[in-house]
Structures are given as structure tokens and as C-alpha cells.
Protein backbone atom coordinates (compact mmCIF):
# COMPACT_ATOMS: atom_id res chain seq x y z
CA MET A 1 0.00 0.00 0.00
CA SER A 2 1.28 3.48 -0.80
CA SER A 3 2.44 5.44 2.20
CA VAL A 4 0.05 8.23 1.21
CA GLN A 5 -2.79 5.92 2.22
CA ALA A 6 -1.71 6.09 5.83
CA GLU A 7 -3.87 4.39 8.43
CA ARG A 8 -6.02 6.59 10.60
CA LEU A 9 -5.09 6.73 14.25
CA SER A 10 -7.13 4.69 16.71
CA THR A 11 -8.85 6.44 19.58
CA GLY A 12 -6.65 4.58 22.05
CA ARG A 13 -3.47 5.78 20.40
CA LYS A 14 -4.73 9.37 20.32
CA ILE A 15 -5.60 9.18 24.01
CA GLY A 16 -2.25 7.61 24.88
CA TYR A 17 -0.40 10.37 23.07
CA GLY A 18 -2.65 13.08 24.51
CA LEU A 19 -1.92 12.01 28.09
CA GLY A 20 1.64 13.24 27.64
CA ASP A 21 0.48 16.84 27.42
CA LEU A 22 -0.84 16.79 30.96
CA TYR A 23 2.75 17.80 31.71
CA GLY A 24 3.25 20.35 28.96
CA GLY A 25 -0.04 22.16 29.51
CA GLY A 26 -0.20 21.94 33.29
CA ALA A 27 3.42 22.70 34.16
CA PHE A 28 3.58 25.77 31.94
CA PHE A 29 0.28 26.99 33.38
CA ILE A 30 1.33 26.70 37.03
CA VAL A 31 4.67 28.37 36.33
CA SER A 32 3.02 31.14 34.31
CA THR A 33 0.44 31.96 36.96
CA LEU A 34 2.24 31.33 40.27
CA TYR A 35 6.02 31.41 39.80
CA LEU A 36 6.48 35.17 39.73
CA ILE A 37 4.34 35.78 42.81
CA PHE A 38 6.04 32.80 44.54
CA LEU A 39 9.45 34.40 44.03
CA THR A 40 8.34 37.88 45.10
CA ASP A 41 6.06 37.03 48.03
CA VAL A 42 7.49 33.75 49.41
CA VAL A 43 11.16 33.56 48.46
CA GLY A 44 11.57 37.31 48.87
CA ILE A 45 13.20 38.26 45.57
CA ARG A 46 12.52 41.63 43.99
CA PRO A 47 10.18 41.46 40.93
CA GLY A 48 12.87 42.67 38.55
CA LEU A 49 15.28 39.94 39.66
CA ALA A 50 12.49 37.34 39.65
CA GLY A 51 11.76 38.05 36.01
CA LEU A 52 15.47 37.95 35.24
CA ILE A 53 15.75 34.37 36.55
CA VAL A 54 13.44 33.05 33.85
CA LEU A 55 15.02 35.17 31.14
CA ILE A 56 18.55 33.93 31.98
CA ALA A 57 17.36 30.33 31.82
CA ARG A 58 16.31 30.87 28.22
CA GLY A 59 19.97 31.30 27.31
CA TRP A 60 20.49 27.69 28.34
CA ASP A 61 17.40 26.64 26.40
CA ALA A 62 18.81 28.25 23.27
CA VAL A 63 21.49 25.55 23.45
CA SER A 64 19.69 22.59 25.07
CA ASP A 65 16.43 22.56 23.09
CA PRO A 66 17.92 22.31 19.56
CA ILE A 67 20.58 19.86 20.80
CA MET A 68 17.86 17.67 22.31
CA GLY A 69 16.05 17.81 18.98
CA MET A 70 19.12 16.53 17.18
CA ILE A 71 19.77 13.87 19.85
CA SER A 72 16.18 12.71 19.50
CA ASP A 73 16.40 12.57 15.70
CA ARG A 74 19.58 10.48 15.90
CA THR A 75 18.57 8.15 18.75
CA ASN A 76 18.56 4.50 17.71
CA SER A 77 16.88 2.16 20.18
CA ARG A 78 14.51 -0.80 20.16
CA TRP A 79 11.75 1.63 21.24
CA GLY A 80 12.42 4.21 18.54
CA ARG A 81 13.80 7.73 18.54
CA ARG A 82 11.30 9.55 20.77
CA ARG A 83 9.67 7.10 23.20
CA PRO A 84 12.69 6.21 25.41
CA TYR A 85 12.81 9.75 26.78
CA PHE A 86 9.28 9.42 28.16
CA LEU A 87 10.44 6.68 30.55
CA ILE A 88 13.76 8.34 31.37
CA GLY A 89 12.01 11.57 32.24
CA ILE A 90 9.51 10.22 34.80
CA PRO A 91 11.63 10.52 38.01
CA PHE A 92 13.21 13.78 36.85
CA ILE A 93 9.82 15.40 36.29
CA VAL A 94 8.94 14.80 39.94
CA LEU A 95 12.32 15.92 41.33
CA SER A 96 12.51 19.07 39.23
CA PHE A 97 8.99 20.21 40.07
CA VAL A 98 9.53 19.83 43.80
CA ALA A 99 12.86 21.67 43.61
CA LEU A 100 11.27 24.50 41.63
CA TRP A 101 8.84 25.32 44.45
CA TYR A 102 11.20 24.87 47.39
CA PRO A 103 11.54 28.29 49.11
CA ALA A 104 15.24 28.36 49.95
CA ALA A 105 15.50 30.47 53.13
CA PHE A 106 18.98 31.91 52.65
CA GLU A 107 19.59 35.22 54.36
CA ALA A 108 21.20 36.90 51.35
CA GLU A 109 18.98 37.74 48.40
CA SER A 110 21.85 36.79 46.07
CA ALA A 111 21.87 33.24 47.50
CA ARG A 112 18.10 32.94 47.12
CA PHE A 113 18.46 34.21 43.55
CA ALA A 114 21.17 31.61 42.82
CA TYR A 115 19.07 28.72 44.15
CA ALA A 116 15.98 29.85 42.26
CA LEU A 117 18.00 30.14 39.06
CA ALA A 118 19.55 26.67 39.50
CA SER A 119 16.19 25.04 40.25
CA TYR A 120 14.58 26.73 37.26
CA LEU A 121 17.43 25.56 34.99
CA PHE A 122 16.87 22.00 36.25
CA PHE A 123 13.13 22.24 35.59
CA SER A 124 13.72 23.72 32.14
CA THR A 125 16.19 20.97 31.20
CA VAL A 126 13.74 18.24 32.16
CA ILE A 127 10.98 19.91 30.13
CA THR A 128 13.38 19.91 27.18
CA MET A 129 14.33 16.24 27.58
CA VAL A 130 10.68 15.12 27.55
CA MET A 131 8.71 17.66 25.52
CA VAL A 132 11.04 17.95 22.51
CA PRO A 133 10.66 14.24 21.63
CA TYR A 134 6.96 14.45 22.54
CA ASN A 135 6.28 17.34 20.16
CA ALA A 136 8.32 15.66 17.41
CA LEU A 137 6.30 12.45 17.68
CA ALA A 138 3.07 14.13 16.51
CA SER A 139 4.27 14.41 12.91
CA GLU A 140 5.14 10.71 12.82
CA LEU A 141 1.95 9.21 14.24
CA THR A 142 -0.18 10.14 11.21
CA LEU A 143 0.38 11.75 7.80
CA ASP A 144 -3.22 12.85 7.31
CA TYR A 145 -3.99 16.62 7.49
CA ALA A 146 -7.38 16.19 9.18
CA ASP A 147 -6.20 13.32 11.39
CA ARG A 148 -3.39 15.52 12.69
CA SER A 149 -6.00 18.12 13.66
CA GLY A 150 -7.93 15.39 15.47
CA LEU A 151 -4.78 14.20 17.25
CA THR A 152 -4.02 17.77 18.29
CA ALA A 153 -7.60 18.26 19.52
CA VAL A 154 -7.29 15.18 21.75
CA ARG A 155 -3.87 16.31 22.94
CA LEU A 156 -5.16 19.79 23.72
CA ALA A 157 -8.19 18.33 25.49
CA PHE A 158 -5.83 16.65 27.94
CA SER A 159 -3.72 19.80 28.12
CA GLU A 160 -6.80 21.90 28.88
CA ALA A 161 -8.03 19.37 31.44
CA SER A 162 -4.62 19.54 33.08
CA THR A 163 -4.59 23.32 33.13
CA LEU A 164 -8.09 23.30 34.61
CA VAL A 165 -6.88 21.07 37.44
CA CYS A 166 -3.82 23.32 37.76
CA ALA A 167 -6.03 26.39 37.97
CA LEU A 168 -8.25 25.03 40.73
CA LEU A 169 -6.08 22.87 42.99
CA PRO A 170 -2.61 24.41 43.53
CA LEU A 171 -3.89 27.33 45.61
CA VAL A 172 -6.14 24.95 47.54
CA ILE A 173 -3.13 22.78 48.44
CA ILE A 174 -0.96 25.80 49.25
CA ASN A 175 -3.60 27.48 51.42
CA ALA A 176 -4.40 24.24 53.29
CA ALA A 177 -0.80 23.91 54.46
CA PRO A 178 0.39 25.51 57.73
CA SER A 179 2.40 28.05 55.73
CA ARG A 180 3.16 28.88 52.11
CA SER A 181 6.72 27.66 52.67
CA VAL A 182 5.27 24.20 53.22
CA GLY A 183 2.38 24.51 50.79
CA TYR A 184 4.39 25.32 47.67
CA PRO A 185 6.77 22.29 47.77
CA LEU A 186 3.85 20.04 48.74
CA MET A 187 2.00 21.30 45.68
CA GLY A 188 5.15 20.62 43.65
CA LEU A 189 5.24 16.99 44.79
CA VAL A 190 1.55 16.38 44.07
CA PHE A 191 1.72 17.84 40.59
CA GLY A 192 5.12 16.35 39.83
CA LEU A 193 3.53 12.91 40.22
CA PHE A 194 0.45 14.02 38.29
CA PHE A 195 2.63 15.10 35.35
CA ALA A 196 5.09 12.20 35.40
CA LEU A 197 3.07 9.00 35.76
CA PRO A 198 0.92 9.34 32.58
CA TYR A 199 4.06 9.00 30.46
CA ILE A 200 3.96 5.27 31.20
CA ALA A 201 0.73 5.12 29.16
CA THR A 202 2.16 7.40 26.46
CA PHE A 203 5.19 5.14 26.09
CA LEU A 204 3.12 1.95 25.89
CA SER A 205 0.41 3.18 23.51
CA THR A 206 2.39 5.03 20.83
CA ARG A 207 4.44 3.64 17.94
CA GLU A 208 6.94 5.34 15.63
CA ARG A 209 6.96 4.99 11.85
CA PRO A 210 9.93 2.83 10.78
CA GLU A 211 10.33 4.67 7.45
CA PHE A 212 10.91 7.92 9.36
CA THR A 213 13.33 6.33 11.81
CA ARG A 214 15.69 5.73 8.92
CA ARG A 215 15.61 9.39 7.84
CA THR A 216 17.85 10.94 10.48
CA THR A 217 19.11 14.45 10.92
CA PRO A 218 22.61 15.23 9.61
CA GLY A 219 25.00 15.86 12.50
CA SER A 220 26.03 19.38 11.51
CA MET A 221 25.48 22.20 13.99
CA LYS A 222 24.00 24.11 11.05
CA ALA A 223 20.95 21.87 11.45
CA PHE A 224 19.80 24.16 14.28
CA LEU A 225 19.32 26.98 11.77
CA GLU A 226 17.73 24.90 9.01
CA PRO A 227 14.10 25.42 10.12
CA PHE A 228 14.41 29.19 9.70
CA ARG A 229 15.23 28.80 6.01
CA ILE A 230 11.70 27.57 5.36
CA ARG A 231 9.13 30.32 4.86
CA SER A 232 6.24 28.25 6.20
CA PHE A 233 8.14 27.59 9.42
CA ARG A 234 9.18 31.23 9.87
CA LEU A 235 5.59 32.41 9.60
CA PHE A 236 4.27 29.61 11.79
CA ILE A 237 6.81 30.11 14.55
CA LEU A 238 6.13 33.83 14.69
CA MET A 239 2.40 33.14 14.93
CA PHE A 240 3.11 30.58 17.64
CA LEU A 241 5.48 32.89 19.52
CA PHE A 242 3.15 35.89 19.62
CA SER A 243 0.19 33.67 20.54
CA PHE A 244 1.88 32.32 23.62
CA ALA A 245 3.58 35.60 24.50
CA ALA A 246 0.09 37.12 24.71
CA MET A 247 -1.22 34.18 26.71
CA ASP A 248 1.69 34.16 29.12
CA VAL A 249 1.40 37.90 29.78
CA VAL A 250 -2.23 37.37 30.74
CA LEU A 251 -1.44 34.37 32.97
CA SER A 252 1.60 35.89 34.68
CA ILE A 253 -0.25 39.06 35.69
CA ILE A 254 -3.79 37.81 36.26
CA VAL A 255 -3.22 36.99 39.96
CA PHE A 256 -1.96 40.54 40.53
CA PHE A 257 -4.85 41.99 38.46
CA VAL A 258 -7.58 40.09 40.30
CA THR A 259 -6.01 40.58 43.74
CA HIS A 260 -5.02 44.24 43.61
CA TYR A 261 -7.24 45.87 40.98
CA LEU A 262 -10.48 43.89 41.00
CA GLN A 263 -9.94 43.16 44.73
CA VAL A 264 -11.50 39.70 44.63
CA PRO A 265 -8.53 37.37 45.29
CA GLU A 266 -10.84 34.70 46.68
CA ILE A 267 -12.27 33.96 43.21
CA THR A 268 -8.95 33.88 41.30
CA ASN A 269 -8.98 30.11 40.89
CA LEU A 270 -12.66 30.15 39.89
CA LEU A 271 -12.00 32.73 37.17
CA LEU A 272 -9.10 30.68 35.85
CA GLY A 273 -11.27 27.58 35.99
CA THR A 274 -14.02 29.32 34.00
CA LEU A 275 -11.51 30.41 31.36
CA LEU A 276 -10.18 26.88 31.00
CA ILE A 277 -13.57 25.13 31.02
CA VAL A 278 -14.73 27.37 28.17
CA GLN A 279 -11.45 26.67 26.33
CA LEU A 280 -12.11 22.95 26.66
CA ILE A 281 -15.71 23.27 25.46
CA CYS A 282 -14.60 25.25 22.42
CA LEU A 283 -11.95 22.75 21.25
CA PRO A 284 -14.33 20.55 19.19
CA LEU A 285 -15.94 23.66 17.69
CA TYR A 286 -12.60 24.98 16.46
CA TYR A 287 -11.64 21.50 15.26
CA ARG A 288 -14.79 21.32 13.10
CA LEU A 289 -14.12 24.82 11.80
CA SER A 290 -10.58 23.79 10.83
CA THR A 291 -11.73 20.68 8.97
CA ARG A 292 -14.43 22.61 7.08
CA TYR A 293 -12.23 25.54 6.13
CA SER A 294 -8.62 25.47 7.34
CA LYS A 295 -6.51 25.57 10.48
CA VAL A 296 -5.55 29.18 9.81
CA VAL A 297 -9.19 30.26 9.51
CA SER A 298 -9.95 28.63 12.85
CA PHE A 299 -6.84 30.24 14.36
CA THR A 300 -7.86 33.69 13.06
CA VAL A 301 -11.41 33.49 14.43
CA GLY A 302 -10.07 32.66 17.87
CA ALA A 303 -7.52 35.49 17.77
CA VAL A 304 -10.17 38.10 16.88
CA ILE A 305 -12.45 36.98 19.73
CA TRP A 306 -9.54 37.00 22.16
CA GLY A 307 -8.40 40.50 21.17
CA LEU A 308 -11.89 41.94 21.62
CA ALA A 309 -12.19 40.22 24.99
CA MET A 310 -8.95 41.75 26.26
CA LEU A 311 -10.10 45.24 25.23
CA SER A 312 -13.32 44.68 27.19
CA SER A 313 -11.23 44.37 30.39
CA PHE A 314 -11.22 48.19 30.53
CA LEU A 315 -14.92 47.94 31.44
CA LEU A 316 -14.09 46.01 34.60
CA GLY A 317 -13.35 47.51 38.01
CA PRO A 318 -13.55 46.78 41.74
CA HIS A 319 -17.24 47.74 41.80
CA THR A 320 -18.25 45.70 38.75
CA PRO A 321 -20.78 42.92 39.48
CA THR A 322 -19.00 39.63 40.05
CA TRP A 323 -20.88 37.85 37.25
CA MET A 324 -19.21 40.15 34.71
CA PHE A 325 -15.79 38.89 35.79
CA PHE A 326 -16.89 35.38 34.86
CA VAL A 327 -18.31 36.56 31.52
CA PHE A 328 -14.97 38.17 30.76
CA ALA A 329 -13.11 34.96 31.69
CA GLY A 330 -15.43 32.98 29.41
CA LEU A 331 -14.80 35.33 26.48
CA VAL A 332 -11.04 35.04 26.93
CA GLY A 333 -11.41 31.25 27.05
CA THR A 334 -13.47 31.26 23.86
CA GLY A 335 -10.77 33.13 21.96
CA THR A 336 -7.69 31.44 23.38
CA GLY A 337 -9.23 28.01 22.78
CA GLY A 338 -9.02 28.51 19.03
CA VAL A 339 -5.60 30.09 19.05
CA ILE A 340 -3.93 27.45 21.21
CA VAL A 341 -5.40 24.33 19.59
CA MET A 342 -4.63 25.58 16.08
CA ALA A 343 -1.14 26.78 16.99
CA TYR A 344 -0.32 23.20 17.96
CA ALA A 345 -2.33 21.66 15.09
CA ILE A 346 -0.39 23.58 12.44
CA PHE A 347 3.03 22.44 13.66
CA PRO A 348 2.95 18.74 12.56
CA ASP A 349 2.54 19.83 8.92
CA ILE A 350 5.80 21.80 8.89
CA PRO A 351 8.23 18.81 8.78
CA ASP A 352 6.47 17.70 5.58
CA VAL A 353 7.61 20.93 3.94
CA ASP A 354 11.11 20.28 5.23
CA GLU A 355 11.09 16.75 3.78
CA LEU A 356 10.19 18.22 0.39
CA ILE A 357 13.28 20.43 0.53
CA SER A 358 15.84 18.31 2.40
CA GLY A 359 14.70 14.73 1.89
CA HIS A 360 15.02 14.15 5.67
CA ARG A 361 12.52 13.74 8.48
CA ARG A 362 13.79 16.20 11.11
CA GLU A 363 10.84 16.57 13.46
CA GLY A 364 13.22 16.60 16.43
CA ILE A 365 15.08 19.70 15.28
CA PHE A 366 11.83 21.50 14.52
CA ALA A 367 10.34 20.45 17.88
CA GLY A 368 13.52 21.58 19.65
CA VAL A 369 13.30 25.03 18.13
CA GLN A 370 9.57 25.18 18.85
CA THR A 371 10.02 24.11 22.48
CA PHE A 372 12.77 26.67 22.99
CA LEU A 373 10.64 29.46 21.58
CA ARG A 374 7.63 28.31 23.62
CA LYS A 375 9.68 28.64 26.80
CA LEU A 376 11.12 31.91 25.54
CA THR A 377 7.62 33.38 25.33
CA GLY A 378 6.94 32.39 28.93
CA ALA A 379 10.25 33.88 30.02
CA PHE A 380 9.60 37.08 28.10
CA ALA A 381 6.14 37.40 29.65
CA ILE A 382 7.36 36.89 33.22
CA PHE A 383 10.34 39.19 32.67
CA LEU A 384 8.14 41.89 31.14
CA VAL A 385 5.57 41.69 33.90
CA GLY A 386 8.27 41.55 36.58
CA GLN A 387 9.97 44.68 35.29
CA ALA A 388 6.66 46.53 34.86
CA ILE A 389 5.36 45.90 38.36
CA ASP A 390 8.80 46.56 39.86
CA LEU A 391 9.06 49.96 38.13
CA ALA A 392 5.45 50.74 39.03
CA GLY A 393 6.24 50.29 42.76
CA TYR A 394 4.67 46.97 43.72
CA VAL A 395 4.35 46.55 47.51
CA PRO A 396 4.58 42.86 48.56
CA PRO A 397 2.31 41.52 51.33
CA VAL A 398 3.32 41.28 54.97
CA GLU A 399 3.46 37.90 56.71
CA THR A 400 2.72 37.37 60.39
CA THR A 401 2.54 34.18 62.47
CA GLU A 402 -0.44 33.47 64.67
CA ALA A 403 -1.29 30.18 66.42
CA GLY A 404 1.29 28.31 64.37
CA ARG A 405 -0.06 29.52 61.03
CA THR A 406 1.32 32.14 58.67
CA LEU A 407 -1.11 34.97 57.90
CA VAL A 408 -0.68 37.09 54.78
CA THR A 409 -1.81 40.72 54.75
CA GLU A 410 -2.07 42.44 51.37
CA LEU A 411 -1.00 46.11 51.44
CA THR A 412 -2.60 48.99 49.53
CA GLN A 413 -1.01 49.55 46.12
CA THR A 414 -0.34 52.98 44.57
CA PRO A 415 -2.54 54.41 41.76
CA GLN A 416 0.54 54.27 39.48
CA PHE A 417 0.88 50.55 40.07
CA LEU A 418 -2.82 49.90 39.42
CA LEU A 419 -2.74 51.87 36.16
CA THR A 420 0.33 49.95 34.99
CA LEU A 421 -1.41 46.71 35.92
CA ARG A 422 -4.44 47.52 33.76
CA LEU A 423 -2.40 48.64 30.76
CA VAL A 424 -0.07 45.65 30.76
CA PHE A 425 -2.95 43.22 31.29
CA ALA A 426 -5.00 44.50 28.34
CA LEU A 427 -2.84 46.31 25.81
CA VAL A 428 0.28 44.15 25.61
CA PRO A 429 -1.72 41.03 24.63
CA VAL A 430 -3.77 43.05 22.11
CA VAL A 431 -0.61 44.28 20.38
CA PHE A 432 0.69 40.70 20.16
CA ILE A 433 -2.67 39.49 18.82
CA ILE A 434 -2.67 42.12 16.06
CA ILE A 435 0.81 40.98 15.01
CA LEU A 436 -0.11 37.29 14.91
CA LEU A 437 -3.23 38.11 12.85
CA LEU A 438 -1.14 39.93 10.25
CA LEU A 439 1.18 36.92 10.09
CA SER A 440 -1.66 34.41 9.75
CA PHE A 441 -2.95 36.12 6.60
CA ARG A 442 0.36 35.26 4.91
CA TYR A 443 0.62 31.61 6.00
CA PRO A 444 0.82 29.53 2.78
CA LEU A 445 0.16 25.89 3.78
CA THR A 446 -3.53 25.44 2.91
CA PRO A 447 -5.34 22.07 3.06
CA GLU A 448 -5.23 21.84 -0.75
CA ARG A 449 -1.46 22.44 -0.87
CA HIS A 450 -0.86 20.02 1.98
CA GLY A 451 -2.81 17.33 0.13
CA ARG A 452 -0.62 17.84 -2.93
CA LEU A 453 2.50 17.82 -0.77
CA LYS A 454 1.55 14.64 1.07
CA ALA A 455 0.86 12.78 -2.18
CA LEU A 456 4.09 13.98 -3.74
CA LEU A 457 6.18 12.89 -0.75
CA ALA A 458 4.51 9.48 -0.73
CA ARG A 459 5.36 8.94 -4.40
CA ARG A 460 8.95 9.99 -3.76
CA ARG A 461 9.31 7.61 -0.80
CA ASP A 462 7.79 4.75 -2.79
CA ALA A 463 10.23 5.43 -5.65
CA GLY A 464 13.26 5.44 -3.38
CA GLY A 465 13.72 9.20 -3.49
CA HIS A 466 13.22 9.67 -7.24
CA LEU A 467 10.55 11.72 -8.98
CA SER A 468 9.14 11.75 -12.47
CA ALA A 469 9.47 14.86 -14.64
CA ASP A 470 5.89 15.91 -13.81
CA ASP A 471 6.50 15.39 -10.11
CA GLU A 472 9.73 17.39 -10.28
CA GLU A 473 7.73 20.28 -11.69
CA GLU A 474 5.12 19.87 -8.94
CA ALA A 475 7.88 19.84 -6.30
CA ARG A 476 9.36 23.07 -7.64
CA ALA A 477 5.96 24.74 -7.67
CA LEU A 478 5.22 23.74 -4.08
CA ALA A 479 8.69 24.69 -2.88
CA GLU A 480 8.35 28.15 -4.41
CA VAL A 481 5.21 28.81 -2.37
CA LEU A 482 5.94 26.94 0.85
CA ALA A 483 9.68 27.19 1.29
């Protein structure tokens, strides 16, 4: 049978693969929403330095993520190129997540900064070791354009379910502990296990395509730059980057926004839960929209809804009825649901364009670059928010001990800080959304072109890498548009 007539994925295989993104979705969400305020309010590091910790770690990711992609591409084991790292990563996921939330009580701020930086580097390295092979595997499980959207929808359903759990439970665990110094590492242990153990199922239920295993990445360091030579990848990665930069800005500042401007900290987890539940509900709607029209159309609709929702935040204030806060959260969830699911659904098609040009299957390199840039967006968001609230004069809460428990008293913030909070929360994401919309209009890989590309690649594989004269002409025409 021709490789173009690839089998459709079973539901069990989709679910097994999707379970792996409990880690990717949930870990990024907890870090995005709680890490900055953990460093400022529990560890006692100034906001500017707290943001700098994450930004410095991205320098290491610039090296480790692409290298892990190449290692993954060139791994040769009885279990394939990607799957061994799921098993290897299980104990390290738990250890790194506990270490990340341990509030080192050194007297000097410089020592606390050094520990926080080291623990974040450890966490980031483990994410790289597991998520780069995981992201690369998506392109290999199925070759079908629509089936890849379905696989991504299942994956994102697990990711959204994980983020929902991570929106509702971490603060419950932290607040139930005698103090935040105990609550944060306890939360890290619980969620480290929650993220790690499902990779057993992911390892057992997935299989790699043997014809791709033979098409390894050349060992040159120049391979790290190869993805950027492809026009489709450049446009996609910019869309991806600005999507998650906007999302991470919202997540990294929302606790401050709800606590200090809206003055309803007790419903923070409920607002996040509403956002994520609506995201989850919208996933099948955006999937159907993508199969009827295209992934980019679905992506664009979500981005427009999200941008309008963020602008509506200027209508909110401390005296606004509580139900309007939940309406706002639902609108944001409606928009981000489309953007996030389609940002991930578009990626598995990119290595097909690369195979047209290079003749290799280099999903690992592409996933390494993508994972690095995904973490870069989170770092940029936390750094940006940290610098903004530091310059605006953020006043951290005061802790007192009473009857063996630590009590936290929030202090009154200045009008300058509250204004900065509102502007960063609303306008920075809107600017990023406008940019990603402009990029999406130029994205060239339509369903029709992908169908032509998939058929052409199948004929070339079946012919041992050779093409007829007509197919050579077709390849040149596709390369001119896509690459």
C-alpha cells in the first residue's frame, strides 16, 4: 500500500499520546500563573530579579532545546527515537517540580536568587528532555492533514483538562498547608507525580513509523538553523510565539490583576477555571471549523475573539458585578481556545515541507526550536511583567505568624501601580494578537497544498527518493510557495 494511504489513528493511540500533554499544559500553566508571585512574596526576591531568573534560563534553552532535537532525531533504540525519553524523564519530572517550588531560606537575596536560578534551569532541562521528543512524535503518528488536527484536539483536550486542574487545585493545596513555605513544595510533589506517571501510558500506547526512523538528521550544527530557512516555518513560529507571549502575559499578571485591581482574590482560581472550562468546550468547535475551512481560519477566528475580549477588560473595576468577571473569563477562554489548539495543530505539517526540501525527516530539530521558543515566550512574559510591576512600585504583602499559622496581609497599592497593571494586562496582549493576525494572513500551507504535498512525498518515498518529470515540476511549484 502506498504510504500516502496512511492508516487513521485509533482512539486509544490518540488518548495515549494526549496524556503526555498533561505535563506540557499543566506545568507551563502553574509556572506562568504562580512562579512570579512565589518568588516575590514567598522567596523574597525583587520582581525585577524574579523576572530575570526566567530570562537567563532561556539562554540555556537556546542551546539545550535544539541539541535535544538533534539527539532525539539520531537516537537509535529498540523503542524508537522519541519514546525512550518518556520513561527516562519520569523521576526527573517529579524531582525538578519539587525543587522548583522549594523556598530556599537563605539570608542573602543573592543566595536565594542563585538557588531559584539553579532550580529553574533544572526544571527547564527536564521539560526539554521530555517535551522535545513528545512534540516531534506528533508528525510521525499520522500523515493525514485532518487526522493531525484530530490528534491535536485530543492532545489539547488533555492539556486543557490539566490546566483546569492546575487552575483550581494548587492554591487549595498551598492554602491548606500551615504556611506557604510548606504549601508550595507540597504542591510541587503532588503535581510532579500528576505530570510524570501518565508518560507510562504514552510510552506503551504510541508507535513510531519505521520509514521515518531511517531518515535521520545530519549531525552538523547548522541543522539548528535549518528550520528558519523555510518560509512556512518562519511564519508559523512567529504566529506561535506571539500567541503564547500574549497568553503568558495574561497568565503571569492575572493573579496581581484580580487581587489588587479587582480586589476579589478569593475567586482567582474560579475565574481561571471558568476560562479553562470554556477553552475545553470550544476545542471541538474549532476543530470542526478547521476541517471545514482550514486551520488558519480557525486560528484567526479565535484570535479576533480574544483581542476583543482583552479590550473589554477596561470595562471592569472593583465595583463591577462579580458575574461580569466570569463573563470576561469565558470570552477570553473562547478566543484562546481557538488560538492554542490551532497553533499546535499547524506544527505537525511543517516537517512535511522540510522533507520536500531536504529529503530528511527532522521533526526533532523543529520540535527543539519550537520548544525553545515556547519557553522563551513564557520567560519574556514573566520578565516583562516583573519589570513593569517593579518599576510601578509593587508593595509585597506582609506575613505574620499566629497560632502556628502564617497569615498574609495584602497592602494597599499605589494608583501608578494599578494603572500599569491595567495597561499591561490589556494592551500588551492586544498588540501581540494584532501581530499574529497579520502573520496568519500570509501563511501559505492550505489544506489543498498540503494534500498535494503529502501525495508527492509518498510517491517519492515509494520510488526510493526519485521523482518523475511531472512530479519534479510539482515539487518546484510547491517549494516556491511553501519554502
